[in-house]
N, C-alpha and C. Protein backbone atom coordinates (compact mmCIF):
# COMPACT_ATOMS: atom_id res chain seq x y z
N MET A 1 28.69 5.67 8.56
CA MET A 1 28.60 4.36 7.92
C MET A 1 27.19 3.80 8.10
N LYS A 2 26.65 3.26 7.02
CA LYS A 2 25.31 2.71 7.06
C LYS A 2 25.39 1.21 7.38
N TYR A 3 24.73 0.82 8.44
CA TYR A 3 24.75 -0.59 8.84
C TYR A 3 23.48 -1.29 8.35
N LEU A 4 23.63 -2.60 8.07
CA LEU A 4 22.48 -3.38 7.64
C LEU A 4 21.56 -3.65 8.83
N THR A 5 20.30 -3.45 8.62
CA THR A 5 19.29 -3.80 9.62
C THR A 5 18.20 -4.59 8.91
N SER A 6 17.33 -5.16 9.68
CA SER A 6 16.23 -5.93 9.07
C SER A 6 15.34 -5.03 8.22
N GLU A 7 15.35 -3.71 8.52
CA GLU A 7 14.48 -2.80 7.79
C GLU A 7 15.02 -2.47 6.40
N ASN A 8 16.36 -2.51 6.21
CA ASN A 8 16.89 -2.14 4.90
C ASN A 8 17.45 -3.31 4.11
N LEU A 9 17.05 -4.53 4.50
CA LEU A 9 17.44 -5.70 3.73
C LEU A 9 16.41 -5.94 2.63
N HIS A 10 16.80 -5.64 1.41
CA HIS A 10 15.92 -5.85 0.26
C HIS A 10 16.70 -6.63 -0.79
N PHE A 11 16.19 -7.80 -1.15
CA PHE A 11 16.90 -8.66 -2.09
C PHE A 11 16.19 -8.70 -3.44
N ASP A 12 16.99 -8.78 -4.49
CA ASP A 12 16.48 -9.02 -5.83
C ASP A 12 16.26 -10.53 -5.96
N TRP A 13 15.03 -10.96 -6.10
CA TRP A 13 14.73 -12.39 -6.05
C TRP A 13 15.37 -13.17 -7.19
N LYS A 14 15.57 -12.51 -8.34
CA LYS A 14 16.21 -13.20 -9.45
C LYS A 14 17.70 -13.41 -9.19
N VAL A 15 18.34 -12.41 -8.62
CA VAL A 15 19.76 -12.53 -8.26
C VAL A 15 19.94 -13.62 -7.19
N VAL A 16 19.05 -13.62 -6.22
CA VAL A 16 19.11 -14.65 -5.16
C VAL A 16 18.91 -16.04 -5.77
N THR A 17 17.92 -16.17 -6.63
CA THR A 17 17.64 -17.46 -7.26
C THR A 17 18.84 -17.96 -8.06
N ILE A 18 19.40 -17.09 -8.88
CA ILE A 18 20.52 -17.47 -9.72
C ILE A 18 21.75 -17.82 -8.88
N THR A 19 21.99 -17.07 -7.82
CA THR A 19 23.14 -17.34 -6.96
C THR A 19 23.01 -18.69 -6.27
N ILE A 20 21.85 -18.95 -5.71
CA ILE A 20 21.64 -20.22 -5.00
C ILE A 20 21.65 -21.40 -5.97
N VAL A 21 20.90 -21.29 -7.06
CA VAL A 21 20.78 -22.40 -7.99
C VAL A 21 22.12 -22.72 -8.65
N SER A 22 22.84 -21.71 -9.08
CA SER A 22 24.14 -21.97 -9.73
C SER A 22 25.12 -22.62 -8.77
N THR A 23 25.08 -22.21 -7.51
CA THR A 23 25.95 -22.83 -6.50
C THR A 23 25.59 -24.30 -6.30
N ILE A 24 24.31 -24.59 -6.20
CA ILE A 24 23.86 -25.98 -6.04
C ILE A 24 24.22 -26.82 -7.26
N LEU A 25 24.07 -26.24 -8.46
CA LEU A 25 24.39 -26.97 -9.69
C LEU A 25 25.87 -27.34 -9.73
N LEU A 26 26.73 -26.42 -9.30
CA LEU A 26 28.16 -26.72 -9.26
C LEU A 26 28.45 -27.84 -8.27
N MET A 27 27.77 -27.83 -7.15
CA MET A 27 27.97 -28.89 -6.15
C MET A 27 27.48 -30.24 -6.65
N VAL A 28 26.31 -30.24 -7.29
CA VAL A 28 25.77 -31.49 -7.85
C VAL A 28 26.73 -32.04 -8.90
N ASP A 29 27.26 -31.18 -9.74
CA ASP A 29 28.22 -31.61 -10.76
C ASP A 29 29.45 -32.24 -10.11
N HIS A 30 29.90 -31.67 -9.00
CA HIS A 30 31.10 -32.17 -8.33
C HIS A 30 30.87 -33.52 -7.67
N TYR A 31 29.73 -33.70 -7.04
CA TYR A 31 29.50 -34.88 -6.21
C TYR A 31 28.77 -36.03 -6.91
N HIS A 32 28.12 -35.74 -8.03
CA HIS A 32 27.27 -36.77 -8.64
C HIS A 32 27.55 -36.93 -10.13
N LYS A 33 27.27 -38.11 -10.62
CA LYS A 33 27.31 -38.42 -12.05
C LYS A 33 25.93 -38.88 -12.46
N ILE A 34 25.26 -38.10 -13.29
CA ILE A 34 23.87 -38.37 -13.66
C ILE A 34 23.80 -39.28 -14.89
N PHE A 35 24.58 -38.94 -15.89
CA PHE A 35 24.61 -39.69 -17.14
C PHE A 35 25.94 -40.44 -17.26
N PRO A 36 26.04 -41.38 -18.18
CA PRO A 36 27.30 -42.12 -18.35
C PRO A 36 28.49 -41.22 -18.68
N TYR A 37 28.23 -40.11 -19.37
CA TYR A 37 29.30 -39.19 -19.74
C TYR A 37 29.09 -37.86 -19.02
N LYS A 38 30.16 -37.37 -18.43
CA LYS A 38 30.06 -36.16 -17.62
C LYS A 38 29.60 -34.95 -18.42
N TYR A 39 29.97 -34.88 -19.70
CA TYR A 39 29.58 -33.69 -20.47
C TYR A 39 28.07 -33.62 -20.68
N TRP A 40 27.37 -34.75 -20.64
CA TRP A 40 25.91 -34.69 -20.71
C TRP A 40 25.34 -34.12 -19.42
N ASP A 41 25.98 -34.44 -18.30
CA ASP A 41 25.57 -33.82 -17.03
C ASP A 41 25.63 -32.30 -17.14
N ARG A 42 26.70 -31.81 -17.73
CA ARG A 42 26.91 -30.36 -17.77
C ARG A 42 25.97 -29.66 -18.74
N ILE A 43 25.54 -30.35 -19.79
CA ILE A 43 24.51 -29.79 -20.66
C ILE A 43 23.21 -29.62 -19.87
N LEU A 44 22.87 -30.64 -19.08
CA LEU A 44 21.65 -30.56 -18.26
C LEU A 44 21.78 -29.49 -17.17
N LEU A 45 22.86 -29.55 -16.40
CA LEU A 45 23.00 -28.69 -15.24
C LEU A 45 23.23 -27.23 -15.60
N TYR A 46 24.05 -26.98 -16.59
CA TYR A 46 24.50 -25.62 -16.86
C TYR A 46 23.82 -24.95 -18.06
N LEU A 47 23.05 -25.72 -18.82
CA LEU A 47 22.35 -25.13 -19.96
C LEU A 47 20.83 -25.32 -19.84
N ILE A 48 20.37 -26.55 -19.76
CA ILE A 48 18.93 -26.82 -19.79
C ILE A 48 18.23 -26.27 -18.55
N ILE A 49 18.78 -26.52 -17.38
CA ILE A 49 18.13 -26.03 -16.15
C ILE A 49 18.12 -24.50 -16.10
N PRO A 50 19.23 -23.80 -16.34
CA PRO A 50 19.16 -22.34 -16.36
C PRO A 50 18.20 -21.79 -17.40
N LEU A 51 18.18 -22.37 -18.61
CA LEU A 51 17.25 -21.91 -19.64
C LEU A 51 15.80 -22.12 -19.21
N ALA A 52 15.53 -23.25 -18.56
CA ALA A 52 14.17 -23.51 -18.09
C ALA A 52 13.76 -22.49 -17.04
N ILE A 53 14.66 -22.14 -16.14
CA ILE A 53 14.36 -21.14 -15.11
C ILE A 53 14.10 -19.78 -15.74
N ILE A 54 14.93 -19.42 -16.72
CA ILE A 54 14.76 -18.13 -17.40
C ILE A 54 13.39 -18.04 -18.05
N MET A 55 13.02 -19.08 -18.79
CA MET A 55 11.79 -19.01 -19.59
C MET A 55 10.53 -19.30 -18.77
N ILE A 56 10.61 -20.25 -17.84
CA ILE A 56 9.40 -20.67 -17.10
C ILE A 56 9.15 -19.81 -15.87
N PHE A 57 10.20 -19.57 -15.06
CA PHE A 57 10.02 -18.85 -13.80
C PHE A 57 10.25 -17.34 -13.93
N PHE A 58 11.27 -16.95 -14.72
CA PHE A 58 11.53 -15.52 -14.88
C PHE A 58 10.65 -14.90 -15.95
N ARG A 59 10.12 -15.75 -16.84
CA ARG A 59 9.30 -15.28 -17.97
C ARG A 59 10.08 -14.28 -18.83
N GLU A 60 11.31 -14.62 -19.13
CA GLU A 60 12.16 -13.78 -19.95
C GLU A 60 12.68 -14.56 -21.14
N HIS A 61 13.22 -13.83 -22.11
CA HIS A 61 13.82 -14.47 -23.29
C HIS A 61 15.29 -14.74 -23.00
N PRO A 62 15.81 -15.90 -23.42
CA PRO A 62 17.22 -16.21 -23.18
C PRO A 62 18.20 -15.18 -23.73
N ARG A 63 17.80 -14.42 -24.75
CA ARG A 63 18.74 -13.41 -25.29
C ARG A 63 19.07 -12.34 -24.25
N GLU A 64 18.19 -12.16 -23.25
CA GLU A 64 18.48 -11.21 -22.18
C GLU A 64 19.64 -11.68 -21.31
N TYR A 65 20.01 -12.92 -21.49
CA TYR A 65 21.13 -13.50 -20.74
C TYR A 65 22.26 -13.94 -21.68
N GLY A 66 22.35 -13.25 -22.81
CA GLY A 66 23.46 -13.49 -23.72
C GLY A 66 23.30 -14.66 -24.66
N PHE A 67 22.10 -15.27 -24.70
CA PHE A 67 21.89 -16.40 -25.60
C PHE A 67 21.43 -15.87 -26.96
N SER A 68 22.38 -15.30 -27.68
CA SER A 68 22.11 -14.74 -29.00
C SER A 68 23.45 -14.53 -29.70
N LEU A 69 23.40 -14.14 -30.96
CA LEU A 69 24.63 -13.85 -31.69
C LEU A 69 25.25 -12.54 -31.24
N GLY A 70 24.44 -11.65 -30.68
CA GLY A 70 24.96 -10.36 -30.23
C GLY A 70 25.65 -9.60 -31.36
N ASN A 71 26.73 -8.91 -31.02
CA ASN A 71 27.54 -8.20 -32.02
C ASN A 71 28.50 -9.21 -32.64
N TRP A 72 28.05 -9.90 -33.68
CA TRP A 72 28.81 -11.04 -34.20
C TRP A 72 30.11 -10.63 -34.87
N LYS A 73 30.15 -9.45 -35.47
CA LYS A 73 31.40 -9.00 -36.10
C LYS A 73 32.48 -8.78 -35.04
N LEU A 74 32.12 -8.08 -33.98
CA LEU A 74 33.06 -7.86 -32.88
C LEU A 74 33.40 -9.20 -32.22
N GLY A 75 32.40 -10.06 -32.09
CA GLY A 75 32.62 -11.36 -31.46
C GLY A 75 33.61 -12.21 -32.23
N LEU A 76 33.50 -12.24 -33.54
CA LEU A 76 34.44 -13.02 -34.35
C LEU A 76 35.84 -12.44 -34.29
N ALA A 77 35.93 -11.11 -34.22
CA ALA A 77 37.24 -10.46 -34.11
C ALA A 77 37.91 -10.83 -32.77
N TYR A 78 37.13 -10.78 -31.69
CA TYR A 78 37.67 -11.17 -30.38
C TYR A 78 38.06 -12.65 -30.35
N THR A 79 37.26 -13.48 -31.00
CA THR A 79 37.56 -14.90 -31.05
C THR A 79 38.89 -15.16 -31.74
N LEU A 80 39.09 -14.51 -32.88
CA LEU A 80 40.34 -14.67 -33.62
C LEU A 80 41.53 -14.16 -32.82
N LEU A 81 41.38 -12.99 -32.21
CA LEU A 81 42.46 -12.43 -31.40
C LEU A 81 42.77 -13.31 -30.20
N GLY A 82 41.72 -13.85 -29.57
CA GLY A 82 41.92 -14.73 -28.43
C GLY A 82 42.68 -15.99 -28.81
N ILE A 83 42.34 -16.56 -29.95
CA ILE A 83 43.02 -17.77 -30.43
C ILE A 83 44.48 -17.47 -30.74
N LEU A 84 44.73 -16.37 -31.42
CA LEU A 84 46.10 -16.01 -31.79
C LEU A 84 46.96 -15.74 -30.56
N PHE A 85 46.37 -15.09 -29.56
CA PHE A 85 47.12 -14.76 -28.35
C PHE A 85 47.37 -15.98 -27.48
N MET A 86 46.37 -16.84 -27.36
CA MET A 86 46.46 -17.95 -26.41
C MET A 86 47.21 -19.17 -26.93
N THR A 87 47.29 -19.34 -28.24
CA THR A 87 47.92 -20.54 -28.79
C THR A 87 49.36 -20.73 -28.31
N PRO A 88 50.25 -19.76 -28.49
CA PRO A 88 51.63 -19.99 -28.02
C PRO A 88 51.73 -20.09 -26.50
N LEU A 89 50.87 -19.36 -25.79
CA LEU A 89 50.90 -19.39 -24.32
C LEU A 89 50.50 -20.77 -23.81
N ILE A 90 49.44 -21.32 -24.37
CA ILE A 90 48.98 -22.65 -23.94
C ILE A 90 50.03 -23.71 -24.27
N TYR A 91 50.59 -23.62 -25.45
CA TYR A 91 51.61 -24.60 -25.85
C TYR A 91 52.80 -24.55 -24.90
N PHE A 92 53.22 -23.33 -24.54
CA PHE A 92 54.36 -23.16 -23.64
C PHE A 92 54.06 -23.70 -22.25
N LEU A 93 52.87 -23.40 -21.73
CA LEU A 93 52.52 -23.81 -20.37
C LEU A 93 52.18 -25.30 -20.27
N GLY A 94 51.53 -25.81 -21.30
CA GLY A 94 51.06 -27.18 -21.22
C GLY A 94 52.03 -28.23 -21.70
N HIS A 95 52.86 -27.89 -22.66
CA HIS A 95 53.73 -28.88 -23.28
C HIS A 95 54.85 -29.29 -22.33
N GLY A 96 54.91 -30.56 -22.04
CA GLY A 96 56.00 -31.08 -21.22
C GLY A 96 55.81 -30.97 -19.73
N ASP A 97 54.68 -30.41 -19.27
CA ASP A 97 54.41 -30.32 -17.84
C ASP A 97 53.81 -31.64 -17.38
N GLU A 98 54.51 -32.36 -16.51
CA GLU A 98 54.10 -33.70 -16.11
C GLU A 98 52.76 -33.69 -15.34
N THR A 99 52.56 -32.67 -14.51
CA THR A 99 51.30 -32.59 -13.76
C THR A 99 50.12 -32.46 -14.71
N MET A 100 50.26 -31.58 -15.69
CA MET A 100 49.18 -31.38 -16.65
C MET A 100 49.02 -32.59 -17.55
N LYS A 101 50.13 -33.23 -17.89
CA LYS A 101 50.05 -34.42 -18.73
C LYS A 101 49.26 -35.52 -18.04
N LYS A 102 49.56 -35.78 -16.77
CA LYS A 102 48.87 -36.83 -16.03
C LYS A 102 47.37 -36.53 -15.90
N TYR A 103 47.06 -35.25 -15.76
CA TYR A 103 45.66 -34.87 -15.59
C TYR A 103 44.89 -34.96 -16.90
N TYR A 104 45.49 -34.51 -18.02
CA TYR A 104 44.75 -34.33 -19.26
C TYR A 104 44.82 -35.46 -20.27
N GLU A 105 45.78 -36.36 -20.16
CA GLU A 105 45.92 -37.37 -21.21
C GLU A 105 44.68 -38.28 -21.30
N ARG A 106 43.93 -38.41 -20.23
CA ARG A 106 42.71 -39.24 -20.23
C ARG A 106 41.57 -38.59 -21.01
N PHE A 107 41.71 -37.30 -21.34
CA PHE A 107 40.63 -36.59 -22.03
C PHE A 107 40.83 -36.49 -23.54
N LEU A 108 41.86 -37.14 -24.06
CA LEU A 108 42.16 -37.03 -25.49
C LEU A 108 41.06 -37.63 -26.37
N ALA A 109 40.49 -38.74 -25.95
CA ALA A 109 39.48 -39.43 -26.76
C ALA A 109 38.24 -38.54 -26.96
N GLY A 110 37.80 -38.47 -28.20
CA GLY A 110 36.56 -37.76 -28.50
C GLY A 110 36.70 -36.28 -28.80
N LEU A 111 37.93 -35.75 -28.72
CA LEU A 111 38.12 -34.33 -29.05
C LEU A 111 37.77 -34.08 -30.51
N PRO A 112 37.25 -32.89 -30.86
CA PRO A 112 36.96 -31.73 -30.00
C PRO A 112 35.52 -31.70 -29.48
N TRP A 113 34.73 -32.73 -29.80
CA TRP A 113 33.31 -32.68 -29.47
C TRP A 113 33.06 -32.84 -27.98
N THR A 114 33.93 -33.58 -27.29
CA THR A 114 33.76 -33.71 -25.84
C THR A 114 33.94 -32.36 -25.15
N THR A 115 34.92 -31.58 -25.59
CA THR A 115 35.12 -30.26 -24.99
C THR A 115 33.99 -29.30 -25.40
N PHE A 116 33.46 -29.48 -26.60
CA PHE A 116 32.32 -28.66 -27.03
C PHE A 116 31.15 -28.86 -26.07
N LEU A 117 30.78 -30.12 -25.86
CA LEU A 117 29.65 -30.42 -24.99
C LEU A 117 29.93 -30.05 -23.54
N ASP A 118 31.17 -30.23 -23.12
CA ASP A 118 31.55 -29.94 -21.74
C ASP A 118 31.48 -28.45 -21.43
N LEU A 119 31.85 -27.62 -22.41
CA LEU A 119 32.01 -26.19 -22.14
C LEU A 119 30.85 -25.31 -22.60
N PHE A 120 29.97 -25.82 -23.45
CA PHE A 120 28.89 -24.97 -23.95
C PHE A 120 27.97 -24.51 -22.82
N GLY A 121 27.49 -25.46 -22.03
CA GLY A 121 26.64 -25.09 -20.90
C GLY A 121 27.41 -24.35 -19.82
N TRP A 122 28.66 -24.77 -19.59
CA TRP A 122 29.55 -24.12 -18.62
C TRP A 122 29.66 -22.62 -18.92
N GLU A 123 29.93 -22.29 -20.18
CA GLU A 123 30.06 -20.88 -20.55
C GLU A 123 28.74 -20.14 -20.45
N PHE A 124 27.64 -20.82 -20.79
CA PHE A 124 26.37 -20.13 -20.67
C PHE A 124 26.07 -19.77 -19.22
N MET A 125 26.36 -20.67 -18.29
CA MET A 125 26.05 -20.38 -16.90
C MET A 125 26.86 -19.18 -16.39
N PHE A 126 28.17 -19.17 -16.67
CA PHE A 126 29.01 -18.10 -16.14
C PHE A 126 28.91 -16.82 -16.96
N ARG A 127 29.06 -16.93 -18.28
CA ARG A 127 29.12 -15.74 -19.13
C ARG A 127 27.77 -15.35 -19.72
N GLY A 128 26.74 -16.10 -19.37
CA GLY A 128 25.40 -15.75 -19.78
C GLY A 128 24.53 -15.50 -18.58
N TRP A 129 24.13 -16.57 -17.93
CA TRP A 129 23.19 -16.51 -16.81
C TRP A 129 23.69 -15.64 -15.67
N LEU A 130 24.86 -15.95 -15.13
CA LEU A 130 25.39 -15.18 -13.99
C LEU A 130 25.78 -13.76 -14.38
N LEU A 131 26.53 -13.63 -15.46
CA LEU A 131 27.05 -12.31 -15.84
C LEU A 131 25.93 -11.30 -16.09
N PHE A 132 24.96 -11.68 -16.92
CA PHE A 132 23.95 -10.70 -17.30
C PHE A 132 22.92 -10.47 -16.19
N ALA A 133 22.71 -11.46 -15.34
CA ALA A 133 21.84 -11.24 -14.18
C ALA A 133 22.51 -10.30 -13.19
N TYR A 134 23.78 -10.57 -12.88
CA TYR A 134 24.51 -9.73 -11.93
C TYR A 134 24.72 -8.31 -12.47
N SER A 135 24.88 -8.18 -13.78
CA SER A 135 25.14 -6.85 -14.34
C SER A 135 23.96 -5.90 -14.15
N ARG A 136 22.76 -6.45 -14.09
CA ARG A 136 21.59 -5.60 -13.85
C ARG A 136 21.63 -4.96 -12.47
N LYS A 137 22.19 -5.68 -11.52
CA LYS A 137 22.21 -5.23 -10.13
C LYS A 137 23.52 -4.52 -9.80
N PHE A 138 24.64 -5.04 -10.32
CA PHE A 138 25.96 -4.58 -9.88
C PHE A 138 26.79 -3.91 -10.99
N GLY A 139 26.25 -3.77 -12.19
CA GLY A 139 26.97 -3.11 -13.27
C GLY A 139 28.23 -3.86 -13.65
N HIS A 140 29.32 -3.10 -13.89
CA HIS A 140 30.57 -3.70 -14.34
C HIS A 140 31.20 -4.65 -13.32
N ASP A 141 30.84 -4.49 -12.05
CA ASP A 141 31.37 -5.39 -11.03
C ASP A 141 30.97 -6.85 -11.28
N ALA A 142 29.95 -7.05 -12.10
CA ALA A 142 29.53 -8.40 -12.45
C ALA A 142 30.64 -9.18 -13.14
N LEU A 143 31.55 -8.47 -13.80
CA LEU A 143 32.66 -9.15 -14.48
C LEU A 143 33.53 -9.91 -13.49
N TRP A 144 33.77 -9.32 -12.33
CA TRP A 144 34.56 -10.00 -11.30
C TRP A 144 33.71 -10.98 -10.50
N LEU A 145 32.45 -10.63 -10.27
CA LEU A 145 31.60 -11.50 -9.46
C LEU A 145 31.41 -12.87 -10.11
N GLN A 146 31.22 -12.91 -11.42
CA GLN A 146 31.04 -14.21 -12.08
C GLN A 146 32.36 -14.96 -12.21
N ALA A 147 33.47 -14.25 -12.14
CA ALA A 147 34.78 -14.90 -12.27
C ALA A 147 35.17 -15.67 -11.01
N VAL A 148 34.61 -15.29 -9.86
CA VAL A 148 34.98 -15.95 -8.60
C VAL A 148 34.51 -17.40 -8.54
N PRO A 149 33.21 -17.69 -8.73
CA PRO A 149 32.81 -19.11 -8.72
C PRO A 149 33.44 -19.89 -9.87
N PHE A 150 33.69 -19.23 -10.99
CA PHE A 150 34.37 -19.87 -12.11
C PHE A 150 35.75 -20.36 -11.69
N ALA A 151 36.50 -19.51 -10.98
CA ALA A 151 37.84 -19.89 -10.53
C ALA A 151 37.77 -21.00 -9.48
N ILE A 152 36.86 -20.87 -8.53
CA ILE A 152 36.72 -21.87 -7.47
C ILE A 152 36.37 -23.24 -8.05
N ALA A 153 35.57 -23.25 -9.11
CA ALA A 153 35.16 -24.51 -9.74
C ALA A 153 36.33 -25.23 -10.40
N HIS A 154 37.46 -24.55 -10.57
CA HIS A 154 38.64 -25.17 -11.17
C HIS A 154 39.54 -25.85 -10.14
N ILE A 155 39.25 -25.68 -8.87
CA ILE A 155 40.08 -26.31 -7.84
C ILE A 155 40.06 -27.83 -8.04
N GLY A 156 41.24 -28.41 -8.05
CA GLY A 156 41.39 -29.83 -8.35
C GLY A 156 42.08 -30.05 -9.68
N LYS A 157 42.06 -29.02 -10.54
CA LYS A 157 42.81 -29.08 -11.79
C LYS A 157 44.26 -28.67 -11.51
N PRO A 158 45.17 -28.84 -12.48
CA PRO A 158 46.56 -28.43 -12.26
C PRO A 158 46.67 -27.00 -11.75
N GLU A 159 47.57 -26.78 -10.80
CA GLU A 159 47.65 -25.49 -10.10
C GLU A 159 47.89 -24.32 -11.04
N ILE A 160 48.78 -24.48 -12.00
CA ILE A 160 49.11 -23.36 -12.88
C ILE A 160 47.89 -22.88 -13.66
N GLU A 161 47.03 -23.83 -14.01
CA GLU A 161 45.80 -23.47 -14.72
C GLU A 161 44.80 -22.81 -13.77
N THR A 162 44.63 -23.38 -12.59
CA THR A 162 43.65 -22.86 -11.63
C THR A 162 43.97 -21.44 -11.21
N LEU A 163 45.26 -21.15 -10.99
CA LEU A 163 45.66 -19.81 -10.57
C LEU A 163 45.33 -18.74 -11.61
N SER A 164 45.25 -19.13 -12.85
CA SER A 164 44.99 -18.16 -13.92
C SER A 164 43.51 -17.89 -14.13
N THR A 165 42.63 -18.70 -13.54
CA THR A 165 41.23 -18.66 -13.94
C THR A 165 40.46 -17.43 -13.45
N ILE A 166 40.90 -16.80 -12.38
CA ILE A 166 40.22 -15.57 -11.96
C ILE A 166 40.38 -14.50 -13.02
N PHE A 167 41.55 -14.47 -13.66
CA PHE A 167 41.80 -13.50 -14.73
C PHE A 167 41.18 -13.96 -16.04
N GLY A 168 41.26 -15.27 -16.29
CA GLY A 168 40.63 -15.80 -17.49
C GLY A 168 39.12 -15.65 -17.43
N GLY A 169 38.53 -15.87 -16.26
CA GLY A 169 37.10 -15.69 -16.10
C GLY A 169 36.67 -14.26 -16.35
N PHE A 170 37.49 -13.32 -15.87
CA PHE A 170 37.20 -11.90 -16.13
C PHE A 170 37.27 -11.62 -17.63
N ALA A 171 38.31 -12.14 -18.30
CA ALA A 171 38.49 -11.89 -19.73
C ALA A 171 37.33 -12.47 -20.54
N PHE A 172 36.92 -13.69 -20.22
CA PHE A 172 35.77 -14.27 -20.90
C PHE A 172 34.52 -13.43 -20.66
N GLY A 173 34.36 -12.96 -19.44
CA GLY A 173 33.22 -12.13 -19.11
C GLY A 173 33.24 -10.82 -19.89
N TRP A 174 34.42 -10.26 -20.03
CA TRP A 174 34.55 -8.99 -20.78
C TRP A 174 34.16 -9.17 -22.23
N VAL A 175 34.56 -10.29 -22.83
CA VAL A 175 34.19 -10.59 -24.22
C VAL A 175 32.66 -10.71 -24.32
N ALA A 176 32.06 -11.42 -23.39
CA ALA A 176 30.61 -11.58 -23.40
C ALA A 176 29.90 -10.24 -23.20
N TRP A 177 30.43 -9.44 -22.29
CA TRP A 177 29.84 -8.11 -22.00
C TRP A 177 29.89 -7.23 -23.24
N ARG A 178 31.05 -7.20 -23.90
CA ARG A 178 31.23 -6.33 -25.07
C ARG A 178 30.38 -6.78 -26.26
N THR A 179 30.21 -8.08 -26.41
CA THR A 179 29.47 -8.60 -27.57
C THR A 179 28.01 -8.86 -27.27
N GLN A 180 27.64 -8.80 -25.97
CA GLN A 180 26.27 -9.11 -25.53
C GLN A 180 25.87 -10.54 -25.90
N SER A 181 26.86 -11.44 -25.82
CA SER A 181 26.63 -12.84 -26.13
C SER A 181 27.68 -13.69 -25.42
N PHE A 182 27.27 -14.86 -24.93
CA PHE A 182 28.24 -15.77 -24.32
C PHE A 182 28.97 -16.61 -25.36
N LEU A 183 28.50 -16.59 -26.61
CA LEU A 183 28.99 -17.51 -27.64
C LEU A 183 30.46 -17.34 -27.97
N TYR A 184 30.95 -16.12 -27.98
CA TYR A 184 32.34 -15.88 -28.40
C TYR A 184 33.31 -16.24 -27.28
N ALA A 185 32.89 -16.02 -26.04
CA ALA A 185 33.69 -16.51 -24.92
C ALA A 185 33.73 -18.04 -24.96
N PHE A 186 32.60 -18.65 -25.32
CA PHE A 186 32.57 -20.10 -25.47
C PHE A 186 33.53 -20.57 -26.55
N LEU A 187 33.51 -19.93 -27.71
CA LEU A 187 34.39 -20.36 -28.81
C LEU A 187 35.86 -20.27 -28.41
N ILE A 188 36.23 -19.20 -27.72
CA ILE A 188 37.61 -19.06 -27.26
C ILE A 188 37.94 -20.14 -26.23
N HIS A 189 37.03 -20.35 -25.29
CA HIS A 189 37.24 -21.35 -24.24
C HIS A 189 37.29 -22.76 -24.83
N TRP A 190 36.45 -23.02 -25.82
CA TRP A 190 36.46 -24.32 -26.50
C TRP A 190 37.82 -24.58 -27.14
N PHE A 191 38.33 -23.58 -27.82
CA PHE A 191 39.65 -23.71 -28.44
C PHE A 191 40.72 -23.94 -27.38
N ILE A 192 40.70 -23.12 -26.32
CA ILE A 192 41.69 -23.25 -25.26
C ILE A 192 41.60 -24.62 -24.59
N GLY A 193 40.38 -25.03 -24.26
CA GLY A 193 40.19 -26.31 -23.58
C GLY A 193 40.66 -27.49 -24.41
N THR A 194 40.43 -27.43 -25.71
CA THR A 194 40.87 -28.50 -26.60
C THR A 194 42.38 -28.51 -26.77
N LEU A 195 42.96 -27.33 -27.00
CA LEU A 195 44.40 -27.25 -27.24
C LEU A 195 45.19 -27.61 -26.00
N ILE A 196 44.72 -27.23 -24.82
CA ILE A 196 45.48 -27.53 -23.61
C ILE A 196 45.53 -29.02 -23.34
N ILE A 197 44.45 -29.74 -23.70
CA ILE A 197 44.47 -31.21 -23.55
C ILE A 197 45.48 -31.81 -24.53
N ILE A 198 45.43 -31.35 -25.78
CA ILE A 198 46.34 -31.87 -26.79
C ILE A 198 47.79 -31.58 -26.45
N ALA A 199 48.07 -30.34 -26.02
CA ALA A 199 49.44 -29.95 -25.71
C ALA A 199 49.94 -30.65 -24.45
N ALA A 200 49.12 -30.67 -23.41
CA ALA A 200 49.55 -31.27 -22.14
C ALA A 200 49.77 -32.78 -22.28
N ALA A 201 48.94 -33.41 -23.11
CA ALA A 201 49.07 -34.85 -23.30
C ALA A 201 50.21 -35.22 -24.25
N GLY A 202 50.85 -34.20 -24.83
CA GLY A 202 51.99 -34.44 -25.70
C GLY A 202 51.60 -34.89 -27.09
N ALA A 203 50.34 -34.60 -27.50
CA ALA A 203 49.90 -35.00 -28.83
C ALA A 203 50.39 -34.06 -29.93
N VAL A 204 50.95 -32.90 -29.54
CA VAL A 204 51.54 -31.96 -30.51
C VAL A 204 52.91 -31.53 -29.97
């Protein structure tokens, strides 16, 4: 067995940067409110700051982190399949559940644009920035690695939803990996996020 020593500790500075910064951004989002609306915070924290780091400090193009159309034909096919598969499941899980109703009914106002703004940066951070950075170092294991902080970030939401997020995070990551773009995972997540609020709040 090979043990770690000070001589064989070699870190990828970009992986270290992304790991530390993304963790801090999640904490800042949890503890602070920067703008009057939380979704503006998330555009800043999860989209603008990561993009600035990519372009200014890493000197890379955002498309290297999934910020592109990628394989758009495959992406649209996955988006359609994801919507068709998740619609009855979300309706079944969310409709009539009192815990989810109490949590989500306050988010009805402003749909679907509030969920668009809330999730666009969120998806870029997990299925763009983290996934594609980790994949360079860890290959396919990046699919699970990015799903872990994604699941932890859901703690505080209804339990039935939170328990599913490790698998949902992997699935979103797989879509991004296959299409080389975070956009299609975002579109699926946007649909899911909007429908679960509507269903849980009893609006359908």
